Amino acid sequence: MIDPAMSSSVTHSVHGGAAPLWRPHASESEHPAMSKAGSEAARILKLEEKVAYQDKIISELNDVVVALNRSMDGFYKRLEAVERTIQAELAAREQPNEKPPHY
């Protein structure tokens, strides 16, 4: 369902700033002269608004996915650095498996 607040901005972006031809709460009783062709035009306009709104949402979600992917790359690099540091510390602490000199 289209958010009524979004419908006017979407209509302006879809139709180049022209006044919206369809109002979200208009009923056919308000427009008795609305013909079948007018009804179909309103239906098409409504579908175009939905598509424009969905395109906007998809674009925003794509931006979020890209940002999360960049963050994950940074986290992987930091994790690898921590692993290298831990391995270096453990290697320095390892003692040879020799008998102590006092045996």
C-alpha atoms as a PDB file:
ATOM      1  CA  MET A   1       0.000   0.000   0.000  1.00  0.00           C
ATOM      2  CA  ILE A   2       1.268   3.465  -0.845  1.00  0.00           C
ATOM      3  CA  ASP A   3       1.985   5.826   2.000  1.00  0.00           C
ATOM      4  CA  PRO A   4      -0.215   8.903   1.338  1.00  0.00           C
ATOM      5  CA  ALA A   5       2.611  11.178   2.416  1.00  0.00           C
ATOM      6  CA  MET A   6       4.869   9.615  -0.198  1.00  0.00           C
ATOM      7  CA  SER A   7       2.351   9.605  -3.038  1.00  0.00           C
ATOM      8  CA  SER A   8       2.548  13.313  -3.803  1.00  0.00           C
ATOM      9  CA  SER A   9       6.367  13.386  -3.852  1.00  0.00           C
ATOM     10  CA  VAL A  10       6.484  10.230  -5.938  1.00  0.00           C
ATOM     11  CA  THR A  11       3.899  11.661  -8.332  1.00  0.00           C
ATOM     12  CA  HIS A  12       5.967  14.797  -8.769  1.00  0.00           C
ATOM     13  CA  SER A  13       9.128  12.822  -9.459  1.00  0.00           C
ATOM     14  CA  VAL A  14       7.394  10.434 -11.868  1.00  0.00           C
ATOM     15  CA  HIS A  15       5.568  13.120 -13.820  1.00  0.00           C
ATOM     16  CA  GLY A  16       8.172  15.859 -13.763  1.00  0.00           C
ATOM     17  CA  GLY A  17       6.531  18.059 -11.138  1.00  0.00           C
ATOM     18  CA  ALA A  18       3.052  18.024 -12.654  1.00  0.00           C
ATOM     19  CA  ALA A  19       0.088  18.125 -10.330  1.00  0.00           C
ATOM     20  CA  PRO A  20      -0.992  14.617  -9.292  1.00  0.00           C
ATOM     21  CA  LEU A  21      -3.826  13.171 -11.316  1.00  0.00           C
ATOM     22  CA  TRP A  22      -4.812  10.729  -8.606  1.00  0.00           C
ATOM     23  CA  ARG A  23      -5.607  11.489  -4.978  1.00  0.00           C
ATOM     24  CA  PRO A  24      -5.197   8.697  -2.408  1.00  0.00           C
ATOM     25  CA  HIS A  25      -8.595   9.190  -0.763  1.00  0.00           C
ATOM     26  CA  ALA A  26     -10.698  10.175  -3.769  1.00  0.00           C
ATOM     27  CA  SER A  27     -13.721   7.991  -4.426  1.00  0.00           C
ATOM     28  CA  GLU A  28     -15.629   7.652  -7.639  1.00  0.00           C
ATOM     29  CA  SER A  29     -18.654   9.325  -6.053  1.00  0.00           C
ATOM     30  CA  GLU A  30     -16.619  12.558  -5.860  1.00  0.00           C
ATOM     31  CA  HIS A  31     -15.927  12.269  -9.591  1.00  0.00           C
ATOM     32  CA  PRO A  32     -19.157  11.137 -11.247  1.00  0.00           C
ATOM     33  CA  ALA A  33     -17.796  12.075 -14.673  1.00  0.00           C
ATOM     34  CA  MET A  34     -14.858   9.679 -14.302  1.00  0.00           C
ATOM     35  CA  SER A  35     -15.070   7.298 -17.219  1.00  0.00           C
ATOM     36  CA  LYS A  36     -13.639   3.832 -17.532  1.00  0.00           C
ATOM     37  CA  ALA A  37     -10.609   5.279 -19.350  1.00  0.00           C
ATOM     38  CA  GLY A  38     -10.103   7.742 -16.487  1.00  0.00           C
ATOM     39  CA  SER A  39     -10.326   4.884 -14.017  1.00  0.00           C
ATOM     40  CA  GLU A  40      -7.724   2.930 -15.955  1.00  0.00           C
ATOM     41  CA  ALA A  41      -5.468   5.996 -16.109  1.00  0.00           C
ATOM     42  CA  ALA A  42      -5.785   6.389 -12.340  1.00  0.00           C
ATOM     43  CA  ARG A  43      -5.002   2.704 -11.882  1.00  0.00           C
ATOM     44  CA  ILE A  44      -1.906   3.000 -14.079  1.00  0.00           C
ATOM     45  CA  LEU A  45      -0.794   6.111 -12.217  1.00  0.00           C
ATOM     46  CA  LYS A  46      -1.219   4.285  -8.920  1.00  0.00           C
ATOM     47  CA  LEU A  47       0.917   1.410 -10.204  1.00  0.00           C
ATOM     48  CA  GLU A  48       3.564   3.855 -11.451  1.00  0.00           C
ATOM     49  CA  GLU A  49       3.657   5.458  -7.997  1.00  0.00           C
ATOM     50  CA  LYS A  50       4.118   2.066  -6.378  1.00  0.00           C
ATOM     51  CA  VAL A  51       6.959   1.190  -8.744  1.00  0.00           C
ATOM     52  CA  ALA A  52       8.675   4.541  -8.129  1.00  0.00           C
ATOM     53  CA  TYR A  53       8.342   4.077  -4.361  1.00  0.00           C
ATOM     54  CA  GLN A  54       9.703   0.515  -4.582  1.00  0.00           C
ATOM     55  CA  ASP A  55      12.633   1.685  -6.741  1.00  0.00           C
ATOM     56  CA  LYS A  56      13.482   4.266  -4.084  1.00  0.00           C
ATOM     57  CA  ILE A  57      13.323   1.684  -1.292  1.00  0.00           C
ATOM     58  CA  ILE A  58      15.438  -0.797  -3.280  1.00  0.00           C
ATOM     59  CA  SER A  59      18.058   1.881  -3.862  1.00  0.00           C
ATOM     60  CA  GLU A  60      18.146   2.750  -0.150  1.00  0.00           C
ATOM     61  CA  LEU A  61      18.427  -0.925   0.810  1.00  0.00           C
ATOM     62  CA  ASN A  62      21.248  -1.379  -1.701  1.00  0.00           C
ATOM     63  CA  ASP A  63      23.123   1.503  -0.059  1.00  0.00           C
ATOM     64  CA  VAL A  64      22.724  -0.217   3.315  1.00  0.00           C
ATOM     65  CA  VAL A  65      24.001  -3.524   1.930  1.00  0.00           C
ATOM     66  CA  VAL A  66      27.048  -1.809   0.393  1.00  0.00           C
ATOM     67  CA  ALA A  67      27.842  -0.051   3.689  1.00  0.00           C
ATOM     68  CA  LEU A  68      27.512  -3.300   5.644  1.00  0.00           C
ATOM     69  CA  ASN A  69      29.766  -5.077   3.158  1.00  0.00           C
ATOM     70  CA  ARG A  70      32.439  -2.406   3.618  1.00  0.00           C
ATOM     71  CA  SER A  71      32.150  -2.730   7.395  1.00  0.00           C
ATOM     72  CA  MET A  72      32.489  -6.511   7.169  1.00  0.00           C
ATOM     73  CA  ASP A  73      35.641  -6.134   5.056  1.00  0.00           C
ATOM     74  CA  GLY A  74      37.121  -3.888   7.737  1.00  0.00           C
ATOM     75  CA  PHE A  75      36.181  -6.345  10.476  1.00  0.00           C
ATOM     76  CA  TYR A  76      37.780  -9.242   8.595  1.00  0.00           C
ATOM     77  CA  LYS A  77      41.020  -7.284   8.227  1.00  0.00           C
ATOM     78  CA  ARG A  78      41.032  -6.449  11.934  1.00  0.00           C
ATOM     79  CA  LEU A  79      40.305 -10.076  12.842  1.00  0.00           C
ATOM     80  CA  GLU A  80      43.223 -11.279  10.699  1.00  0.00           C
ATOM     81  CA  ALA A  81      45.519  -8.761  12.401  1.00  0.00           C
ATOM     82  CA  VAL A  82      44.412  -9.972  15.838  1.00  0.00           C
ATOM     83  CA  GLU A  83      44.969 -13.607  14.801  1.00  0.00           C
ATOM     84  CA  ARG A  84      48.490 -12.788  13.598  1.00  0.00           C
ATOM     85  CA  THR A  85      49.249 -10.968  16.864  1.00  0.00           C
ATOM     86  CA  ILE A  86      47.988 -13.880  18.973  1.00  0.00           C
ATOM     87  CA  GLN A  87      49.945 -16.423  16.916  1.00  0.00           C
ATOM     88  CA  ALA A  88      53.109 -14.342  17.270  1.00  0.00           C
ATOM     89  CA  GLU A  89      52.608 -14.081  21.053  1.00  0.00           C
ATOM     90  CA  LEU A  90      51.998 -17.810  21.386  1.00  0.00           C
ATOM     91  CA  ALA A  91      55.028 -18.652  19.260  1.00  0.00           C
ATOM     92  CA  ALA A  92      57.224 -16.453  21.467  1.00  0.00           C
ATOM     93  CA  ARG A  93      55.943 -18.176  24.614  1.00  0.00           C
ATOM     94  CA  GLU A  94      56.481 -21.730  23.385  1.00  0.00           C
ATOM     95  CA  GLN A  95      59.386 -23.423  25.053  1.00  0.00           C
ATOM     96  CA  PRO A  96      61.334 -26.238  23.537  1.00  0.00           C
ATOM     97  CA  ASN A  97      60.457 -29.711  24.716  1.00  0.00           C
ATOM     98  CA  GLU A  98      63.788 -30.370  26.434  1.00  0.00           C
ATOM     99  CA  LYS A  99      64.649 -31.750  29.845  1.00  0.00           C
ATOM    100  CA  PRO A 100      65.702 -29.081  32.297  1.00  0.00           C
ATOM    101  CA  PRO A 101      69.473 -28.957  32.969  1.00  0.00           C
ATOM    102  CA  HIS A 102      69.125 -30.127  36.557  1.00  0.00           C
ATOM    103  CA  TYR A 103      67.856 -33.622  35.595  1.00  0.00           C
END
